[in-house]
C-alpha atoms as a PDB file:
ATOM      1  CA  MET A   1       5.510  77.967  43.485  1.00  0.00           C
ATOM      2  CA  LEU A   2       6.896  74.903  45.698  1.00  0.00           C
ATOM      3  CA  LYS A   3       4.673  72.462  47.106  1.00  0.00           C
ATOM      4  CA  SER A   4       5.025  70.011  49.491  1.00  0.00           C
ATOM      5  CA  TYR A   5       4.282  66.129  49.441  1.00  0.00           C
ATOM      6  CA  ALA A   6       4.818  63.363  52.041  1.00  0.00           C
ATOM      7  CA  ALA A   7       6.565  59.975  50.571  1.00  0.00           C
ATOM      8  CA  ILE A   8       8.015  57.111  51.718  1.00  0.00           C
ATOM      9  CA  TYR A   9      10.879  55.770  49.406  1.00  0.00           C
ATOM     10  CA  LYS A  10      10.607  52.482  49.094  1.00  0.00           C
ATOM     11  CA  GLN A  11      11.844  49.999  46.823  1.00  0.00           C
ATOM     12  CA  GLY A  12      12.694  52.335  43.858  1.00  0.00           C
ATOM     13  CA  HIS A  13       9.267  54.307  44.638  1.00  0.00           C
ATOM     14  CA  LEU A  14       7.450  56.540  46.371  1.00  0.00           C
ATOM     15  CA  ASP A  15       4.564  55.640  48.167  1.00  0.00           C
ATOM     16  CA  TRP A  16       2.568  58.836  48.908  1.00  0.00           C
ATOM     17  CA  LEU A  17       1.291  59.506  52.590  1.00  0.00           C
ATOM     18  CA  ASP A  18      -1.245  61.563  51.053  1.00  0.00           C
ATOM     19  CA  ASP A  19      -2.824  63.164  48.172  1.00  0.00           C
ATOM     20  CA  ALA A  20      -0.154  62.641  45.406  1.00  0.00           C
ATOM     21  CA  PRO A  21       0.768  65.640  42.853  1.00  0.00           C
ATOM     22  CA  GLU A  22      -2.008  66.181  40.471  1.00  0.00           C
ATOM     23  CA  GLN A  23       1.129  66.716  38.184  1.00  0.00           C
ATOM     24  CA  ASP A  24       3.230  64.554  35.572  1.00  0.00           C
ATOM     25  CA  ASN A  25       6.640  64.603  34.223  1.00  0.00           C
ATOM     26  CA  VAL A  26       7.863  67.823  36.433  1.00  0.00           C
ATOM     27  CA  ARG A  27      11.137  68.298  37.982  1.00  0.00           C
ATOM     28  CA  VAL A  28      11.403  67.337  42.002  1.00  0.00           C
ATOM     29  CA  ILE A  29      14.119  67.766  45.027  1.00  0.00           C
ATOM     30  CA  VAL A  30      13.936  65.062  47.071  1.00  0.00           C
ATOM     31  CA  THR A  31      14.913  65.747  50.718  1.00  0.00           C
ATOM     32  CA  LEU A  32      15.615  62.623  53.196  1.00  0.00           C
ATOM     33  CA  VAL A  33      14.011  63.445  56.441  1.00  0.00           C
ATOM     34  CA  GLU A  34      14.787  60.099  58.647  1.00  0.00           C
ATOM     35  CA  SER A  35      15.248  56.016  57.698  1.00  0.00           C
ATOM     36  CA  ILE A  36      12.108  54.325  59.248  1.00  0.00           C
ATOM     37  CA  PRO A  37      13.804  51.456  61.203  1.00  0.00           C
ATOM     38  CA  GLN A  38      13.213  47.803  59.627  1.00  0.00           C
ATOM     39  CA  ASN A  39      13.301  46.268  63.201  1.00  0.00           C
ATOM     40  CA  PRO A  40      12.056  48.072  66.680  1.00  0.00           C
ATOM     41  CA  PRO A  41      14.641  48.547  68.985  1.00  0.00           C
ATOM     42  CA  MET A  42      12.660  47.696  71.591  1.00  0.00           C
ATOM     43  CA  ARG A  43       9.134  45.421  72.370  1.00  0.00           C
ATOM     44  CA  ALA A  44       6.740  46.840  74.648  1.00  0.00           C
ATOM     45  CA  ARG A  45       7.669  44.211  77.613  1.00  0.00           C
ATOM     46  CA  GLU A  46      11.017  45.862  77.641  1.00  0.00           C
ATOM     47  CA  ILE A  47       9.295  49.348  77.676  1.00  0.00           C
ATOM     48  CA  LEU A  48       7.364  48.662  80.577  1.00  0.00           C
ATOM     49  CA  GLN A  49      10.181  47.556  82.157  1.00  0.00           C
ATOM     50  CA  GLN A  50      11.902  50.641  82.114  1.00  0.00           C
ATOM     51  CA  ALA A  51       9.208  52.785  82.932  1.00  0.00           C
ATOM     52  CA  TRP A  52       6.631  50.762  85.111  1.00  0.00           C
ATOM     53  CA  GLY A  53       4.057  52.551  86.910  1.00  0.00           C
ATOM     54  CA  CYS A  54       4.114  55.503  84.467  1.00  0.00           C
ATOM     55  CA  ILE A  55       0.637  54.747  83.033  1.00  0.00           C
ATOM     56  CA  GLU A  56      -2.417  55.362  84.456  1.00  0.00           C
ATOM     57  CA  LYS A  57      -4.929  53.216  83.611  1.00  0.00           C
ATOM     58  CA  PRO A  58      -3.776  49.152  83.631  1.00  0.00           C
ATOM     59  CA  TYR A  59      -3.378  47.521  80.151  1.00  0.00           C
ATOM     60  CA  SER A  60      -2.360  43.938  79.376  1.00  0.00           C
ATOM     61  CA  ILE A  61       1.298  43.061  77.834  1.00  0.00           C
ATOM     62  CA  GLU A  62      -0.927  41.621  74.292  1.00  0.00           C
ATOM     63  CA  GLN A  63      -3.086  45.157  74.364  1.00  0.00           C
ATOM     64  CA  ILE A  64       0.420  47.274  74.509  1.00  0.00           C
ATOM     65  CA  ASP A  65       1.361  45.357  71.491  1.00  0.00           C
ATOM     66  CA  ALA A  66      -1.802  45.633  69.214  1.00  0.00           C
ATOM     67  CA  ASP A  67      -1.791  49.688  70.438  1.00  0.00           C
ATOM     68  CA  ILE A  68       1.924  49.530  69.034  1.00  0.00           C
ATOM     69  CA  ALA A  69       1.057  47.223  66.264  1.00  0.00           C
ATOM     70  CA  LYS A  70      -2.106  49.452  65.352  1.00  0.00           C
ATOM     71  CA  MET A  71      -0.160  52.338  65.386  1.00  0.00           C
ATOM     72  CA  ARG A  72       2.812  51.312  63.204  1.00  0.00           C
ATOM     73  CA  SER A  73       0.380  49.967  60.383  1.00  0.00           C
ATOM     74  CA  GLU A  74      -1.260  54.031  60.666  1.00  0.00           C
ATOM     75  CA  TRP A  75       2.641  54.846  59.500  1.00  0.00           C
ATOM     76  CA  GLU A  76       3.222  52.364  56.488  1.00  0.00           C
END
């Protein structure tokens, strides 16, 4: 039976996002889903300038940058 596990391929190693497979010495098929950008294309200030007024609760640029950094760290 096939089982799927999520991982990030980084510098020749798989970093498991959840539980790693329990078996050792098994054959695998690797499907690349997407690449993770090293540098984010936009900063919070640029996003806000494009979509100003979309946020119901006003946040400072620093609070938004901190929230974005926290979300990014959860993906790593």
